[in-house]
Structures are given as structure tokens and as C-alpha cells.
PDB file of N, CA and C in Angstrom:
ATOM      1  N   MET A   1      33.831   6.860   5.092  1.00  0.00           N
ATOM      2  CA  MET A   1      33.381   5.979   4.385  1.00  0.00           C
ATOM      3  C   MET A   1      32.740   4.631   4.718  1.00  0.00           C
ATOM      4  N   LYS A   2      33.520   4.328   6.198  1.00  0.00           N
ATOM      5  CA  LYS A   2      33.398   2.989   7.221  1.00  0.00           C
ATOM      6  C   LYS A   2      31.621   3.461   7.787  1.00  0.00           C
ATOM      7  N   ILE A   3      31.397   4.353   7.747  1.00  0.00           N
ATOM      8  CA  ILE A   3      30.174   5.443   8.687  1.00  0.00           C
ATOM      9  C   ILE A   3      29.343   4.940   7.704  1.00  0.00           C
ATOM     10  N   ALA A   4      29.512   4.991   7.170  1.00  0.00           N
ATOM     11  CA  ALA A   4      28.121   5.019   5.804  1.00  0.00           C
ATOM     12  C   ALA A   4      27.263   3.913   5.649  1.00  0.00           C
ATOM     13  N   ALA A   5      28.880   2.566   5.194  1.00  0.00           N
ATOM     14  CA  ALA A   5      28.703   1.347   5.257  1.00  0.00           C
ATOM     15  C   ALA A   5      27.561   1.044   6.293  1.00  0.00           C
ATOM     16  N   THR A   6      28.381   0.773   7.285  1.00  0.00           N
ATOM     17  CA  THR A   6      27.441   0.715   8.447  1.00  0.00           C
ATOM     18  C   THR A   6      25.772   1.420   8.765  1.00  0.00           C
ATOM     19  N   SER A   7      25.983   2.508   8.440  1.00  0.00           N
ATOM     20  CA  SER A   7      25.022   3.442   8.764  1.00  0.00           C
ATOM     21  C   SER A   7      23.608   2.596   7.657  1.00  0.00           C
ATOM     22  N   SER A   8      24.325   2.155   6.628  1.00  0.00           N
ATOM     23  CA  SER A   8      23.307   1.584   5.421  1.00  0.00           C
ATOM     24  C   SER A   8      23.278   0.093   5.813  1.00  0.00           C
ATOM     25  N   LYS A   9      23.636  -0.987   6.468  1.00  0.00           N
ATOM     26  CA  LYS A   9      23.822  -1.854   6.610  1.00  0.00           C
ATOM     27  C   LYS A   9      22.643  -2.176   7.870  1.00  0.00           C
ATOM     28  N   PHE A  10      22.842  -1.071   9.642  1.00  0.00           N
ATOM     29  CA  PHE A  10      22.187  -1.220  10.200  1.00  0.00           C
ATOM     30  C   PHE A  10      20.567  -0.607   9.873  1.00  0.00           C
ATOM     31  N   LEU A  11      20.368   0.179   8.926  1.00  0.00           N
ATOM     32  CA  LEU A  11      19.194   0.577   8.551  1.00  0.00           C
ATOM     33  C   LEU A  11      18.659  -0.377   8.212  1.00  0.00           C
ATOM     34  N   PHE A  12      19.070  -1.659   7.183  1.00  0.00           N
ATOM     35  CA  PHE A  12      18.650  -2.293   6.326  1.00  0.00           C
ATOM     36  C   PHE A  12      17.979  -3.950   7.505  1.00  0.00           C
ATOM     37  N   ILE A  13      19.192  -3.904   8.498  1.00  0.00           N
ATOM     38  CA  ILE A  13      18.804  -5.135   9.690  1.00  0.00           C
ATOM     39  C   ILE A  13      17.334  -4.155   9.549  1.00  0.00           C
ATOM     40  N   CYS A  14      17.419  -2.886  10.199  1.00  0.00           N
ATOM     41  CA  CYS A  14      16.025  -2.191  11.624  1.00  0.00           C
ATOM     42  C   CYS A  14      14.983  -2.479  10.106  1.00  0.00           C
ATOM     43  N   MET A  15      14.715  -2.279   8.573  1.00  0.00           N
ATOM     44  CA  MET A  15      13.738  -2.523   7.790  1.00  0.00           C
ATOM     45  C   MET A  15      13.471  -4.273   8.195  1.00  0.00           C
ATOM     46  N   VAL A  16      14.558  -5.253   7.489  1.00  0.00           N
ATOM     47  CA  VAL A  16      14.370  -6.397   8.180  1.00  0.00           C
ATOM     48  C   VAL A  16      13.548  -6.645   9.423  1.00  0.00           C
ATOM     49  N   VAL A  17      13.770  -6.045  10.321  1.00  0.00           N
ATOM     50  CA  VAL A  17      13.273  -6.579  12.277  1.00  0.00           C
ATOM     51  C   VAL A  17      11.819  -6.197  11.796  1.00  0.00           C
ATOM     52  N   LEU A  18      11.308  -5.131  11.347  1.00  0.00           N
ATOM     53  CA  LEU A  18      10.348  -4.513  11.161  1.00  0.00           C
ATOM     54  C   LEU A  18       9.093  -4.847  10.182  1.00  0.00           C
ATOM     55  N   THR A  19       9.575  -5.472   9.529  1.00  0.00           N
ATOM     56  CA  THR A  19       9.205  -6.072   8.494  1.00  0.00           C
ATOM     57  C   THR A  19       8.696  -7.583   8.944  1.00  0.00           C
ATOM     58  N   LEU A  20       9.466  -8.018   9.723  1.00  0.00           N
ATOM     59  CA  LEU A  20       9.402  -9.535  10.158  1.00  0.00           C
ATOM     60  C   LEU A  20       8.146  -9.450  11.488  1.00  0.00           C
ATOM     61  N   ILE A  21       8.294  -8.639  12.443  1.00  0.00           N
ATOM     62  CA  ILE A  21       7.478  -8.067  13.056  1.00  0.00           C
ATOM     63  C   ILE A  21       5.583  -7.237  12.337  1.00  0.00           C
ATOM     64  N   ALA A  22       5.921  -6.737  11.369  1.00  0.00           N
ATOM     65  CA  ALA A  22       4.449  -6.233  10.745  1.00  0.00           C
ATOM     66  C   ALA A  22       3.574  -7.977  10.109  1.00  0.00           C
ATOM     67  N   TYR A  23       5.020  -8.837   9.862  1.00  0.00           N
ATOM     68  CA  TYR A  23       3.685 -10.089   9.388  1.00  0.00           C
ATOM     69  C   TYR A  23       3.440 -11.075  10.804  1.00  0.00           C
ATOM     70  N   ALA A  24       4.562 -10.634  11.636  1.00  0.00           N
ATOM     71  CA  ALA A  24       3.978 -11.835  13.110  1.00  0.00           C
ATOM     72  C   ALA A  24       2.668 -11.292  13.508  1.00  0.00           C
ATOM     73  N   PHE A  25       2.356  -9.770  13.558  1.00  0.00           N
ATOM     74  CA  PHE A  25       1.257  -8.863  13.829  1.00  0.00           C
ATOM     75  C   PHE A  25       0.477  -9.294  12.772  1.00  0.00           C
ATOM     76  N   ALA A  26       0.140  -9.772  11.829  1.00  0.00           N
ATOM     77  CA  ALA A  26      -0.878  -9.545  10.696  1.00  0.00           C
ATOM     78  C   ALA A  26      -1.737 -10.773  10.729  1.00  0.00           C
ATOM     79  N   ALA A  27      -3.446 -10.514  10.312  1.00  0.00           N
ATOM     80  CA  ALA A  27      -4.659 -10.630  10.391  1.00  0.00           C
ATOM     81  C   ALA A  27      -4.357 -12.495   9.965  1.00  0.00           C
ATOM     82  N   ASP A  28      -4.160 -13.404  10.215  1.00  0.00           N
ATOM     83  CA  ASP A  28      -3.947 -14.526   9.967  1.00  0.00           C
ATOM     84  C   ASP A  28      -5.827 -14.788   9.131  1.00  0.00           C
ATOM     85  N   ASP A  29      -5.957 -14.654  10.306  1.00  0.00           N
ATOM     86  CA  ASP A  29      -7.843 -15.534  10.251  1.00  0.00           C
ATOM     87  C   ASP A  29      -8.714 -14.005   9.158  1.00  0.00           C
ATOM     88  N   ALA A  30      -7.969 -13.052   8.697  1.00  0.00           N
ATOM     89  CA  ALA A  30      -9.136 -12.134   7.879  1.00  0.00           C
ATOM     90  C   ALA A  30      -9.411 -12.914   6.585  1.00  0.00           C
ATOM     91  N   VAL A  31     -10.415 -12.751   5.729  1.00  0.00           N
ATOM     92  CA  VAL A  31     -11.059 -13.692   4.838  1.00  0.00           C
ATOM     93  C   VAL A  31     -11.463 -12.499   3.970  1.00  0.00           C
ATOM     94  N   ARG A  32     -11.005 -12.886   2.443  1.00  0.00           N
ATOM     95  CA  ARG A  32     -11.541 -11.854   1.753  1.00  0.00           C
ATOM     96  C   ARG A  32     -12.563 -12.468   1.294  1.00  0.00           C
ATOM     97  N   ILE A  33     -13.232 -11.961   1.321  1.00  0.00           N
ATOM     98  CA  ILE A  33     -15.093 -11.648   0.527  1.00  0.00           C
ATOM     99  C   ILE A  33     -15.242 -11.034  -1.004  1.00  0.00           C
ATOM    100  N   GLU A  34     -16.360 -11.578  -1.594  1.00  0.00           N
ATOM    101  CA  GLU A  34     -15.901 -11.259  -2.808  1.00  0.00           C
ATOM    102  C   GLU A  34     -17.720 -10.429  -3.091  1.00  0.00           C
ATOM    103  N   PRO A  35     -17.641  -8.679  -3.806  1.00  0.00           N
ATOM    104  CA  PRO A  35     -19.140  -8.512  -4.073  1.00  0.00           C
ATOM    105  C   PRO A  35     -20.381  -9.033  -3.804  1.00  0.00           C
ATOM    106  N   LYS A  36     -20.276 -10.075  -4.532  1.00  0.00           N
ATOM    107  CA  LYS A  36     -21.308 -11.153  -5.026  1.00  0.00           C
ATOM    108  C   LYS A  36     -22.069 -11.526  -3.535  1.00  0.00           C
ATOM    109  N   GLU A  37     -20.550 -12.572  -3.123  1.00  0.00           N
ATOM    110  CA  GLU A  37     -21.318 -13.112  -1.420  1.00  0.00           C
ATOM    111  C   GLU A  37     -22.012 -12.231  -0.663  1.00  0.00           C
ATOM    112  N   LEU A  38     -20.758 -10.998  -0.839  1.00  0.00           N
ATOM    113  CA  LEU A  38     -21.254  -9.846  -0.090  1.00  0.00           C
ATOM    114  C   LEU A  38     -22.521  -9.527   0.142  1.00  0.00           C
ATOM    115  N   LYS A  39     -23.267  -9.426  -0.809  1.00  0.00           N
ATOM    116  CA  LYS A  39     -24.318  -8.878  -1.434  1.00  0.00           C
ATOM    117  C   LYS A  39     -26.043  -9.959  -1.362  1.00  0.00           C
ATOM    118  N   ALA A  40     -25.357 -11.206  -1.145  1.00  0.00           N
ATOM    119  CA  ALA A  40     -25.668 -11.900  -0.815  1.00  0.00           C
ATOM    120  C   ALA A  40     -26.058 -11.707   1.025  1.00  0.00           C
ATOM    121  N   LYS A  41     -25.375 -11.862   1.201  1.00  0.00           N
ATOM    122  CA  LYS A  41     -25.026 -11.388   2.927  1.00  0.00           C
ATOM    123  C   LYS A  41     -25.606 -10.241   3.568  1.00  0.00           C
ATOM    124  N   LEU A  42     -25.845  -8.749   2.948  1.00  0.00           N
ATOM    125  CA  LEU A  42     -26.126  -7.660   3.343  1.00  0.00           C
ATOM    126  C   LEU A  42     -27.827  -7.711   4.306  1.00  0.00           C
ATOM    127  N   GLY A  43     -27.983  -7.706   5.066  1.00  0.00           N
ATOM    128  CA  GLY A  43     -28.920  -7.294   5.988  1.00  0.00           C
ATOM    129  C   GLY A  43     -28.962  -8.488   6.907  1.00  0.00           C
ATOM    130  N   GLN A  44     -28.226  -9.563   7.481  1.00  0.00           N
ATOM    131  CA  GLN A  44     -27.864 -10.241   8.578  1.00  0.00           C
ATOM    132  C   GLN A  44     -27.694 -10.073   9.301  1.00  0.00           C
ATOM    133  N   SER A  45     -28.155 -10.556  10.303  1.00  0.00           N
ATOM    134  CA  SER A  45     -28.611  -9.805  11.500  1.00  0.00           C
ATOM    135  C   SER A  45     -26.923 -10.478  12.169  1.00  0.00           C
ATOM    136  N   GLY A  46     -26.535  -9.078  12.718  1.00  0.00           N
ATOM    137  CA  GLY A  46     -24.430  -9.385  13.323  1.00  0.00           C
ATOM    138  C   GLY A  46     -23.300  -8.449  12.381  1.00  0.00           C
ATOM    139  N   LEU A  47     -24.196  -8.606  11.382  1.00  0.00           N
ATOM    140  CA  LEU A  47     -23.224  -8.363   9.863  1.00  0.00           C
ATOM    141  C   LEU A  47     -22.773  -6.952  10.069  1.00  0.00           C
ATOM    142  N   SER A  48     -21.887  -6.346  10.412  1.00  0.00           N
ATOM    143  CA  SER A  48     -21.497  -4.789   9.972  1.00  0.00           C
ATOM    144  C   SER A  48     -20.367  -4.560   8.726  1.00  0.00           C
ATOM    145  N   VAL A  49     -20.663  -3.556   7.998  1.00  0.00           N
ATOM    146  CA  VAL A  49     -19.762  -3.124   7.080  1.00  0.00           C
ATOM    147  C   VAL A  49     -19.673  -2.046   7.258  1.00  0.00           C
ATOM    148  N   VAL A  50     -18.089  -2.199   7.099  1.00  0.00           N
ATOM    149  CA  VAL A  50     -17.311  -1.013   7.606  1.00  0.00           C
ATOM    150  C   VAL A  50     -16.399  -0.344   6.502  1.00  0.00           C
ATOM    151  N   ASP A  51     -17.118   1.318   5.369  1.00  0.00           N
ATOM    152  CA  ASP A  51     -16.607   1.888   4.260  1.00  0.00           C
ATOM    153  C   ASP A  51     -15.310   2.402   5.251  1.00  0.00           C
ATOM    154  N   VAL A  52     -13.378   2.255   5.016  1.00  0.00           N
ATOM    155  CA  VAL A  52     -12.513   2.513   5.404  1.00  0.00           C
ATOM    156  C   VAL A  52     -11.995   3.749   4.912  1.00  0.00           C
ATOM    157  N   ARG A  53     -12.846   4.130   3.332  1.00  0.00           N
ATOM    158  CA  ARG A  53     -12.434   4.778   2.373  1.00  0.00           C
ATOM    159  C   ARG A  53     -11.568   6.204   3.079  1.00  0.00           C
ATOM    160  N   ILE A  54     -10.679   6.869   1.791  1.00  0.00           N
ATOM    161  CA  ILE A  54     -10.231   8.787   2.647  1.00  0.00           C
ATOM    162  C   ILE A  54     -11.487   9.340   2.171  1.00  0.00           C
ATOM    163  N   ILE A  55     -11.898  10.056   3.108  1.00  0.00           N
ATOM    164  CA  ILE A  55     -12.961  10.724   2.958  1.00  0.00           C
ATOM    165  C   ILE A  55     -13.570  11.895   1.760  1.00  0.00           C
ATOM    166  N   SER A  56     -12.602  12.185   1.242  1.00  0.00           N
ATOM    167  CA  SER A  56     -12.028  12.734  -0.011  1.00  0.00           C
ATOM    168  C   SER A  56     -12.783  12.013  -1.260  1.00  0.00           C
ATOM    169  N   ASP A  57     -12.544  10.345  -0.713  1.00  0.00           N
ATOM    170  CA  ASP A  57     -12.706   9.150  -1.983  1.00  0.00           C
ATOM    171  C   ASP A  57     -14.411   8.986  -1.661  1.00  0.00           C
ATOM    172  N   TRP A  58     -14.375   8.870  -0.446  1.00  0.00           N
ATOM    173  CA  TRP A  58     -15.372   8.658   0.178  1.00  0.00           C
ATOM    174  C   TRP A  58     -16.880   9.689  -0.809  1.00  0.00           C
ATOM    175  N   LYS A  59     -16.343  11.230  -0.468  1.00  0.00           N
ATOM    176  CA  LYS A  59     -17.352  12.049  -0.755  1.00  0.00           C
ATOM    177  C   LYS A  59     -17.749  12.026  -2.198  1.00  0.00           C
ATOM    178  N   LYS A  60     -16.657  12.029  -3.004  1.00  0.00           N
ATOM    179  CA  LYS A  60     -16.527  11.803  -4.761  1.00  0.00           C
ATOM    180  C   LYS A  60     -17.202  10.609  -5.081  1.00  0.00           C
ATOM    181  N   SER A  61     -17.562   9.506  -4.434  1.00  0.00           N
ATOM    182  CA  SER A  61     -18.115   8.635  -5.065  1.00  0.00           C
ATOM    183  C   SER A  61     -19.302   8.365  -4.748  1.00  0.00           C
ATOM    184  N   ASP A  62     -20.290   8.268  -6.001  1.00  0.00           N
ATOM    185  CA  ASP A  62     -21.456   7.584  -6.252  1.00  0.00           C
ATOM    186  C   ASP A  62     -21.844   6.460  -5.833  1.00  0.00           C
ATOM    187  N   ARG A  63     -20.858   5.795  -5.582  1.00  0.00           N
ATOM    188  CA  ARG A  63     -21.659   4.220  -5.238  1.00  0.00           C
ATOM    189  C   ARG A  63     -20.668   3.667  -3.265  1.00  0.00           C
ATOM    190  N   LYS A  64     -21.477   3.951  -2.620  1.00  0.00           N
ATOM    191  CA  LYS A  64     -21.697   3.307  -1.763  1.00  0.00           C
ATOM    192  C   LYS A  64     -22.743   2.335  -1.276  1.00  0.00           C
ATOM    193  N   ILE A  65     -22.175   1.465  -0.396  1.00  0.00           N
ATOM    194  CA  ILE A  65     -23.161   0.034   0.184  1.00  0.00           C
ATOM    195  C   ILE A  65     -23.694   0.897   1.411  1.00  0.00           C
ATOM    196  N   ALA A  66     -25.382   0.039   0.789  1.00  0.00           N
ATOM    197  CA  ALA A  66     -26.341   0.161   1.774  1.00  0.00           C
ATOM    198  C   ALA A  66     -26.002  -0.355   3.158  1.00  0.00           C
ATOM    199  N   GLY A  67     -25.955   0.562   3.955  1.00  0.00           N
ATOM    200  CA  GLY A  67     -26.371   0.190   5.291  1.00  0.00           C
ATOM    201  C   GLY A  67     -24.513   0.178   5.823  1.00  0.00           C
ATOM    202  N   ALA A  68     -23.081   0.648   4.985  1.00  0.00           N
ATOM    203  CA  ALA A  68     -22.579   0.619   5.391  1.00  0.00           C
ATOM    204  C   ALA A  68     -22.227   1.694   6.365  1.00  0.00           C
ATOM    205  N   VAL A  69     -21.375   1.597   7.229  1.00  0.00           N
ATOM    206  CA  VAL A  69     -20.627   2.745   8.042  1.00  0.00           C
ATOM    207  C   VAL A  69     -19.566   3.318   8.010  1.00  0.00           C
ATOM    208  N   ARG A  70     -19.389   4.716   7.156  1.00  0.00           N
ATOM    209  CA  ARG A  70     -18.234   5.142   7.142  1.00  0.00           C
ATOM    210  C   ARG A  70     -17.169   5.698   8.764  1.00  0.00           C
ATOM    211  N   GLU A  71     -15.813   5.023   8.701  1.00  0.00           N
ATOM    212  CA  GLU A  71     -15.124   5.328   9.287  1.00  0.00           C
ATOM    213  C   GLU A  71     -13.712   5.659   9.020  1.00  0.00           C
ATOM    214  N   ASP A  72     -12.923   6.656   9.993  1.00  0.00           N
ATOM    215  CA  ASP A  72     -11.948   7.122   9.733  1.00  0.00           C
ATOM    216  C   ASP A  72     -10.617   6.239   9.902  1.00  0.00           C
ATOM    217  N   PRO A  73     -10.043   5.501   8.583  1.00  0.00           N
ATOM    218  CA  PRO A  73      -8.833   4.852   7.972  1.00  0.00           C
ATOM    219  C   PRO A  73      -7.851   5.098   8.681  1.00  0.00           C
ATOM    220  N   HIS A  74      -7.165   6.341   9.412  1.00  0.00           N
ATOM    221  CA  HIS A  74      -6.329   6.608   9.939  1.00  0.00           C
ATOM    222  C   HIS A  74      -6.487   6.744  11.833  1.00  0.00           C
ATOM    223  N   ASP A  75      -7.536   6.148  12.342  1.00  0.00           N
ATOM    224  CA  ASP A  75      -7.584   6.120  13.099  1.00  0.00           C
ATOM    225  C   ASP A  75      -9.026   5.307  13.882  1.00  0.00           C
ATOM    226  N   VAL A  76      -8.117   4.545  13.638  1.00  0.00           N
ATOM    227  CA  VAL A  76      -8.865   2.679  13.828  1.00  0.00           C
ATOM    228  C   VAL A  76      -9.156   2.400  15.282  1.00  0.00           C
ATOM    229  N   SER A  77      -8.181   2.959  15.851  1.00  0.00           N
ATOM    230  CA  SER A  77      -8.814   2.658  17.562  1.00  0.00           C
ATOM    231  C   SER A  77      -9.426   3.785  18.308  1.00  0.00           C
ATOM    232  N   SER A  78      -9.701   4.907  17.499  1.00  0.00           N
ATOM    233  CA  SER A  78     -11.119   5.337  17.794  1.00  0.00           C
ATOM    234  C   SER A  78     -12.409   4.371  17.906  1.00  0.00           C
ATOM    235  N   TRP A  79     -12.279   3.589  17.246  1.00  0.00           N
ATOM    236  CA  TRP A  79     -13.899   3.227  16.438  1.00  0.00           C
ATOM    237  C   TRP A  79     -13.481   1.387  16.789  1.00  0.00           C
ATOM    238  N   ALA A  80     -12.452   0.764  16.416  1.00  0.00           N
ATOM    239  CA  ALA A  80     -12.586  -0.805  17.152  1.00  0.00           C
ATOM    240  C   ALA A  80     -12.628  -1.609  17.477  1.00  0.00           C
ATOM    241  N   ASN A  81     -13.037  -1.030  18.528  1.00  0.00           N
ATOM    242  CA  ASN A  81     -13.887  -1.790  19.417  1.00  0.00           C
ATOM    243  C   ASN A  81     -15.823  -1.440  19.442  1.00  0.00           C
ATOM    244  N   LYS A  82     -16.029  -0.518  19.619  1.00  0.00           N
ATOM    245  CA  LYS A  82     -17.561  -0.671  18.700  1.00  0.00           C
ATOM    246  C   LYS A  82     -17.747  -1.581  18.312  1.00  0.00           C
ATOM    247  N   TYR A  83     -17.054  -2.794  17.941  1.00  0.00           N
ATOM    248  CA  TYR A  83     -17.634  -3.349  16.505  1.00  0.00           C
ATOM    249  C   TYR A  83     -17.583  -5.209  17.652  1.00  0.00           C
ATOM    250  N   SER A  84     -18.223  -5.873  17.185  1.00  0.00           N
ATOM    251  CA  SER A  84     -18.105  -7.276  17.678  1.00  0.00           C
ATOM    252  C   SER A  84     -17.119  -7.974  17.276  1.00  0.00           C
ATOM    253  N   LYS A  85     -16.408  -8.659  18.409  1.00  0.00           N
ATOM    254  CA  LYS A  85     -14.949  -9.533  17.913  1.00  0.00           C
ATOM    255  C   LYS A  85     -16.214 -10.875  18.286  1.00  0.00           C
ATOM    256  N   HIS A  86     -17.257 -10.657  17.814  1.00  0.00           N
ATOM    257  CA  HIS A  86     -17.621 -12.647  18.032  1.00  0.00           C
ATOM    258  C   HIS A  86     -18.646 -12.515  16.701  1.00  0.00           C
ATOM    259  N   GLU A  87     -18.919 -11.397  16.160  1.00  0.00           N
ATOM    260  CA  GLU A  87     -19.680 -11.072  14.939  1.00  0.00           C
ATOM    261  C   GLU A  87     -19.142 -10.819  13.847  1.00  0.00           C
ATOM    262  N   PRO A  88     -19.775 -11.117  12.411  1.00  0.00           N
ATOM    263  CA  PRO A  88     -18.783 -10.775  10.676  1.00  0.00           C
ATOM    264  C   PRO A  88     -19.070  -9.493  10.831  1.00  0.00           C
ATOM    265  N   LEU A  89     -17.261  -8.718  10.242  1.00  0.00           N
ATOM    266  CA  LEU A  89     -16.945  -7.455  10.233  1.00  0.00           C
ATOM    267  C   LEU A  89     -16.043  -7.358   8.567  1.00  0.00           C
ATOM    268  N   VAL A  90     -16.998  -7.068   7.900  1.00  0.00           N
ATOM    269  CA  VAL A  90     -16.673  -6.721   6.350  1.00  0.00           C
ATOM    270  C   VAL A  90     -16.289  -5.303   6.887  1.00  0.00           C
ATOM    271  N   VAL A  91     -14.874  -4.875   6.094  1.00  0.00           N
ATOM    272  CA  VAL A  91     -14.059  -3.540   6.076  1.00  0.00           C
ATOM    273  C   VAL A  91     -13.698  -3.090   4.754  1.00  0.00           C
ATOM    274  N   TYR A  92     -14.098  -2.408   3.891  1.00  0.00           N
ATOM    275  CA  TYR A  92     -13.975  -1.731   2.910  1.00  0.00           C
ATOM    276  C   TYR A  92     -13.048  -0.850   2.180  1.00  0.00           C
ATOM    277  N   CYS A  93     -12.072  -0.190   1.506  1.00  0.00           N
ATOM    278  CA  CYS A  93     -11.656   0.838   0.976  1.00  0.00           C
ATOM    279  C   CYS A  93     -11.425   1.058  -0.315  1.00  0.00           C
ATOM    280  N   SER A  94     -12.824   0.725  -1.149  1.00  0.00           N
ATOM    281  CA  SER A  94     -12.562   0.474  -2.882  1.00  0.00           C
ATOM    282  C   SER A  94     -14.134  -0.141  -3.319  1.00  0.00           C
TER     283      SER A  94
END
């Protein structure tokens, strides 16, 4: 019985630590943009729009932002560096 209680406490502490780490590395400078605001900015030089919906949702959708590039949300490391860190990047999933 003591082992089960100790294991539960250990798992709880691990979950708390992992949550704190996730918050520490969250993008504090990420800003939400309203659809109306994005629509006004579409076509501006330097603006990249990335659609990260899962492939099945993307394929069955009849609503796509013109000029948006579809990227795999499960493989961010393979495409993240091809976008400028100095220009606006809009990422959407719905």
C-alpha cells in the first residue's frame, strides 16, 4: 500500500514539474489575430499563413485561406525554419 501511495505522489510531482516546464517555454509573444484583421493583411509582403490542420480535416474542408501553405502539425521541426523569424507568421488550425 505504501508503494502505491509513493508512486502516486511521484507521478503527481512529475506532472506538476512538466506543466511548469511547458509554461516556461510557451511562446509569450504569440498574438491572436481575428479573421477580419487577417483578411485585411492578406497579400502583404512578408506575411506567411500556415494551415496546420490535420490532413483529413484539411482535405474535407471547403474553406481554405487563399495563399496559405499547408504544413504537417506533427512535424513542426521539419518546416519551422523555412519561415522568417523577422516577418509575420500566422498559423491556424480551424
